[in-house]
């Protein structure tokens, strides 16, 4: 199995890993940002149409 890096326990299997958790939180943050950008776009578009 070899030495462990960064004082982490080496696990084998199909369970959740620390990298999966980090990726999921990043995806969640990106979804929130995307929702905000879509909302801003709709607001700007409605203001533009009123001109």
PDB file of N, CA and C in Angstrom:
ATOM      1  N   UNK A   1       0.814  -1.187   0.000  1.00  0.00           N
ATOM      2  CA  UNK A   1       0.000   0.000   0.000  1.00  0.00           C
ATOM      3  C   UNK A   1       0.858   1.251   0.000  1.00  0.00           C
ATOM      4  N   UNK A   2       2.009   1.237   0.559  1.00  0.00           N
ATOM      5  CA  UNK A   2       2.897   2.396   0.519  1.00  0.00           C
ATOM      6  C   UNK A   2       2.595   3.403   1.612  1.00  0.00           C
ATOM      7  N   UNK A   3       3.472   4.407   1.747  1.00  0.00           N
ATOM      8  CA  UNK A   3       3.288   5.406   2.798  1.00  0.00           C
ATOM      9  C   UNK A   3       2.130   6.352   2.474  1.00  0.00           C
ATOM     10  N   UNK A   4       1.504   6.852   3.529  1.00  0.00           N
ATOM     11  CA  UNK A   4       0.417   7.814   3.367  1.00  0.00           C
ATOM     12  C   UNK A   4       0.988   9.213   3.253  1.00  0.00           C
ATOM     13  N   UNK A   5       0.329  10.060   2.471  1.00  0.00           N
ATOM     14  CA  UNK A   5       0.752  11.442   2.288  1.00  0.00           C
ATOM     15  C   UNK A   5      -0.079  12.370   3.157  1.00  0.00           C
ATOM     16  N   UNK A   6       0.521  13.429   3.646  1.00  0.00           N
ATOM     17  CA  UNK A   6      -0.159  14.503   4.369  1.00  0.00           C
ATOM     18  C   UNK A   6      -0.917  14.007   5.596  1.00  0.00           C
ATOM     19  N   UNK A   7      -0.449  12.977   6.243  1.00  0.00           N
ATOM     20  CA  UNK A   7      -1.063  12.432   7.457  1.00  0.00           C
ATOM     21  C   UNK A   7      -2.510  12.004   7.236  1.00  0.00           C
ATOM     22  N   UNK A   8      -2.851  11.585   6.053  1.00  0.00           N
ATOM     23  CA  UNK A   8      -4.194  11.112   5.755  1.00  0.00           C
ATOM     24  C   UNK A   8      -4.202   9.598   5.702  1.00  0.00           C
ATOM     25  N   UNK A   9      -5.316   9.026   6.069  1.00  0.00           N
ATOM     26  CA  UNK A   9      -5.465   7.586   6.013  1.00  0.00           C
ATOM     27  C   UNK A   9      -5.799   7.202   4.583  1.00  0.00           C
ATOM     28  N   UNK A  10      -5.126   6.214   4.087  1.00  0.00           N
ATOM     29  CA  UNK A  10      -5.387   5.761   2.727  1.00  0.00           C
ATOM     30  C   UNK A  10      -6.524   4.751   2.769  1.00  0.00           C
ATOM     31  N   UNK A  11      -7.554   5.008   1.980  1.00  0.00           N
ATOM     32  CA  UNK A  11      -8.715   4.128   1.932  1.00  0.00           C
ATOM     33  C   UNK A  11      -8.920   3.621   0.515  1.00  0.00           C
ATOM     34  N   UNK A  12      -9.411   2.421   0.409  1.00  0.00           N
ATOM     35  CA  UNK A  12      -9.750   1.844  -0.873  1.00  0.00           C
ATOM     36  C   UNK A  12     -11.222   1.488  -0.846  1.00  0.00           C
ATOM     37  N   UNK A  13     -11.911   1.736  -1.938  1.00  0.00           N
ATOM     38  CA  UNK A  13     -13.322   1.397  -2.004  1.00  0.00           C
ATOM     39  C   UNK A  13     -14.093   2.412  -2.805  1.00  0.00           C
ATOM     40  N   UNK A  14     -15.410   2.332  -2.703  1.00  0.00           N
ATOM     41  CA  UNK A  14     -16.274   3.173  -3.524  1.00  0.00           C
ATOM     42  C   UNK A  14     -16.980   4.243  -2.718  1.00  0.00           C
ATOM     43  N   UNK A  15     -16.578   4.476  -1.504  1.00  0.00           N
ATOM     44  CA  UNK A  15     -17.235   5.473  -0.667  1.00  0.00           C
ATOM     45  C   UNK A  15     -16.820   6.892  -1.002  1.00  0.00           C
ATOM     46  N   UNK A  16     -17.348   7.834  -0.239  1.00  0.00           N
ATOM     47  CA  UNK A  16     -17.034   9.241  -0.428  1.00  0.00           C
ATOM     48  C   UNK A  16     -15.610   9.526   0.009  1.00  0.00           C
ATOM     49  N   UNK A  17     -14.893  10.268  -0.803  1.00  0.00           N
ATOM     50  CA  UNK A  17     -13.537  10.665  -0.458  1.00  0.00           C
ATOM     51  C   UNK A  17     -13.498  12.169  -0.241  1.00  0.00           C
ATOM     52  N   UNK A  18     -12.413  12.643   0.297  1.00  0.00           N
ATOM     53  CA  UNK A  18     -12.296  14.078   0.543  1.00  0.00           C
ATOM     54  C   UNK A  18     -12.318  14.867  -0.754  1.00  0.00           C
ATOM     55  N   UNK A  19     -11.788  14.312  -1.829  1.00  0.00           N
ATOM     56  CA  UNK A  19     -11.809  15.022  -3.109  1.00  0.00           C
ATOM     57  C   UNK A  19     -13.229  15.110  -3.664  1.00  0.00           C
ATOM     58  N   UNK A  20     -14.047  14.078  -3.449  1.00  0.00           N
ATOM     59  CA  UNK A  20     -15.441  14.128  -3.890  1.00  0.00           C
ATOM     60  C   UNK A  20     -16.208  15.200  -3.143  1.00  0.00           C
ATOM     61  N   UNK A  21     -15.969  15.317  -1.858  1.00  0.00           N
ATOM     62  CA  UNK A  21     -16.659  16.320  -1.049  1.00  0.00           C
ATOM     63  C   UNK A  21     -16.256  17.714  -1.518  1.00  0.00           C
ATOM     64  N   UNK A  22     -14.989  17.925  -1.789  1.00  0.00           N
ATOM     65  CA  UNK A  22     -14.519  19.225  -2.268  1.00  0.00           C
ATOM     66  C   UNK A  22     -15.132  19.550  -3.620  1.00  0.00           C
ATOM     67  N   UNK A  23     -15.230  18.587  -4.509  1.00  0.00           N
ATOM     68  CA  UNK A  23     -15.822  18.821  -5.821  1.00  0.00           C
ATOM     69  C   UNK A  23     -17.297  19.144  -5.700  1.00  0.00           C
ATOM     70  N   UNK A  24     -18.012  18.437  -4.807  1.00  0.00           N
ATOM     71  CA  UNK A  24     -19.437  18.685  -4.638  1.00  0.00           C
ATOM     72  C   UNK A  24     -19.696  20.087  -4.109  1.00  0.00           C
ATOM     73  N   UNK A  25     -18.886  20.552  -3.162  1.00  0.00           N
ATOM     74  CA  UNK A  25     -19.103  21.893  -2.630  1.00  0.00           C
ATOM     75  C   UNK A  25     -18.794  22.939  -3.702  1.00  0.00           C
ATOM     76  N   UNK A  26     -17.807  22.687  -4.529  1.00  0.00           N
ATOM     77  CA  UNK A  26     -17.492  23.607  -5.613  1.00  0.00           C
ATOM     78  C   UNK A  26     -18.641  23.663  -6.621  1.00  0.00           C
ATOM     79  N   UNK A  27     -19.211  22.530  -6.942  1.00  0.00           N
ATOM     80  CA  UNK A  27     -20.334  22.476  -7.873  1.00  0.00           C
ATOM     81  C   UNK A  27     -21.528  23.225  -7.287  1.00  0.00           C
ATOM     82  N   UNK A  28     -21.789  23.042  -6.001  1.00  0.00           N
ATOM     83  CA  UNK A  28     -22.893  23.749  -5.345  1.00  0.00           C
ATOM     84  C   UNK A  28     -22.679  25.255  -5.391  1.00  0.00           C
ATOM     85  N   UNK A  29     -21.451  25.697  -5.138  1.00  0.00           N
ATOM     86  CA  UNK A  29     -21.147  27.129  -5.189  1.00  0.00           C
ATOM     87  C   UNK A  29     -21.340  27.672  -6.601  1.00  0.00           C
ATOM     88  N   UNK A  30     -20.944  26.901  -7.599  1.00  0.00           N
ATOM     89  CA  UNK A  30     -21.091  27.333  -8.983  1.00  0.00           C
ATOM     90  C   UNK A  30     -22.566  27.418  -9.364  1.00  0.00           C
ATOM     91  N   UNK A  31     -23.390  26.503  -8.859  1.00  0.00           N
ATOM     92  CA  UNK A  31     -24.821  26.550  -9.148  1.00  0.00           C
ATOM     93  C   UNK A  31     -25.459  27.790  -8.542  1.00  0.00           C
ATOM     94  N   UNK A  32     -25.066  28.136  -7.328  1.00  0.00           N
ATOM     95  CA  UNK A  32     -25.587  29.337  -6.682  1.00  0.00           C
ATOM     96  C   UNK A  32     -25.198  30.564  -7.487  1.00  0.00           C
ATOM     97  N   UNK A  33     -23.938  30.629  -7.907  1.00  0.00           N
ATOM     98  CA  UNK A  33     -23.476  31.767  -8.696  1.00  0.00           C
ATOM     99  C   UNK A  33     -24.215  31.842 -10.033  1.00  0.00           C
ATOM    100  N   UNK A  34     -24.442  30.700 -10.659  1.00  0.00           N
ATOM    101  CA  UNK A  34     -25.166  30.667 -11.925  1.00  0.00           C
ATOM    102  C   UNK A  34     -26.593  31.186 -11.746  1.00  0.00           C
ATOM    103  N   UNK A  35     -27.255  30.783 -10.671  1.00  0.00           N
ATOM    104  CA  UNK A  35     -28.602  31.277 -10.393  1.00  0.00           C
ATOM    105  C   UNK A  35     -28.610  32.791 -10.210  1.00  0.00           C
ATOM    106  N   UNK A  36     -27.608  33.315  -9.510  1.00  0.00           N
ATOM    107  CA  UNK A  36     -27.514  34.761  -9.317  1.00  0.00           C
ATOM    108  C   UNK A  36     -27.289  35.481 -10.644  1.00  0.00           C
ATOM    109  N   UNK A  37     -26.427  34.941 -11.475  1.00  0.00           N
ATOM    110  CA  UNK A  37     -26.154  35.550 -12.775  1.00  0.00           C
ATOM    111  C   UNK A  37     -27.393  35.527 -13.670  1.00  0.00           C
ATOM    112  N   UNK A  38     -28.136  34.441 -13.628  1.00  0.00           N
ATOM    113  CA  UNK A  38     -29.370  34.369 -14.419  1.00  0.00           C
ATOM    114  C   UNK A  38     -30.382  35.403 -13.938  1.00  0.00           C
ATOM    115  N   UNK A  39     -30.484  35.563 -12.648  1.00  0.00           N
ATOM    116  CA  UNK A  39     -31.398  36.544 -12.083  1.00  0.00           C
ATOM    117  C   UNK A  39     -30.989  37.960 -12.505  1.00  0.00           C
ATOM    118  N   UNK A  40     -29.698  38.251 -12.422  1.00  0.00           N
ATOM    119  CA  UNK A  40     -29.190  39.564 -12.841  1.00  0.00           C
ATOM    120  C   UNK A  40     -29.456  39.797 -14.324  1.00  0.00           C
ATOM    121  N   UNK A  41     -29.279  38.775 -15.127  1.00  0.00           N
ATOM    122  CA  UNK A  41     -29.519  38.883 -16.565  1.00  0.00           C
ATOM    123  C   UNK A  41     -30.985  39.213 -16.840  1.00  0.00           C
ATOM    124  N   UNK A  42     -31.886  38.521 -16.151  1.00  0.00           N
ATOM    125  CA  UNK A  42     -33.312  38.783 -16.350  1.00  0.00           C
ATOM    126  C   UNK A  42     -33.672  40.204 -15.945  1.00  0.00           C
ATOM    127  N   UNK A  43     -33.109  40.682 -14.843  1.00  0.00           N
ATOM    128  CA  UNK A  43     -33.359  42.059 -14.398  1.00  0.00           C
ATOM    129  C   UNK A  43     -32.867  43.068 -15.427  1.00  0.00           C
ATOM    130  N   UNK A  44     -31.656  42.882 -15.914  1.00  0.00           N
ATOM    131  CA  UNK A  44     -31.094  43.805 -16.899  1.00  0.00           C
ATOM    132  C   UNK A  44     -31.870  43.764 -18.212  1.00  0.00           C
ATOM    133  N   UNK A  45     -32.287  42.582 -18.593  1.00  0.00           N
ATOM    134  CA  UNK A  45     -33.041  42.456 -19.837  1.00  0.00           C
ATOM    135  C   UNK A  45     -34.383  43.175 -19.740  1.00  0.00           C
ATOM    136  N   UNK A  46     -35.062  43.039 -18.609  1.00  0.00           N
ATOM    137  CA  UNK A  46     -36.346  43.721 -18.450  1.00  0.00           C
ATOM    138  C   UNK A  46     -36.166  45.223 -18.427  1.00  0.00           C
ATOM    139  N   UNK A  47     -35.083  45.715 -17.806  1.00  0.00           N
ATOM    140  CA  UNK A  47     -34.811  47.156 -17.812  1.00  0.00           C
ATOM    141  C   UNK A  47     -34.520  47.643 -19.222  1.00  0.00           C
ATOM    142  N   UNK A  48     -33.791  46.871 -20.003  1.00  0.00           N
ATOM    143  CA  UNK A  48     -33.446  47.243 -21.366  1.00  0.00           C
ATOM    144  C   UNK A  48     -34.698  47.302 -22.234  1.00  0.00           C
ATOM    145  N   UNK A  49     -35.617  46.350 -22.054  1.00  0.00           N
ATOM    146  CA  UNK A  49     -36.839  46.304 -22.854  1.00  0.00           C
ATOM    147  C   UNK A  49     -37.743  47.493 -22.558  1.00  0.00           C
ATOM    148  N   UNK A  50     -37.639  48.063 -21.372  1.00  0.00           N
ATOM    149  CA  UNK A  50     -38.451  49.212 -21.009  1.00  0.00           C
ATOM    150  C   UNK A  50     -37.964  50.504 -21.667  1.00  0.00           C
ATOM    151  N   UNK A  51     -36.727  50.497 -22.150  1.00  0.00           N
ATOM    152  CA  UNK A  51     -36.172  51.711 -22.779  1.00  0.00           C
ATOM    153  C   UNK A  51     -36.792  52.011 -24.117  1.00  0.00           C
TER     154      UNK A  51
END
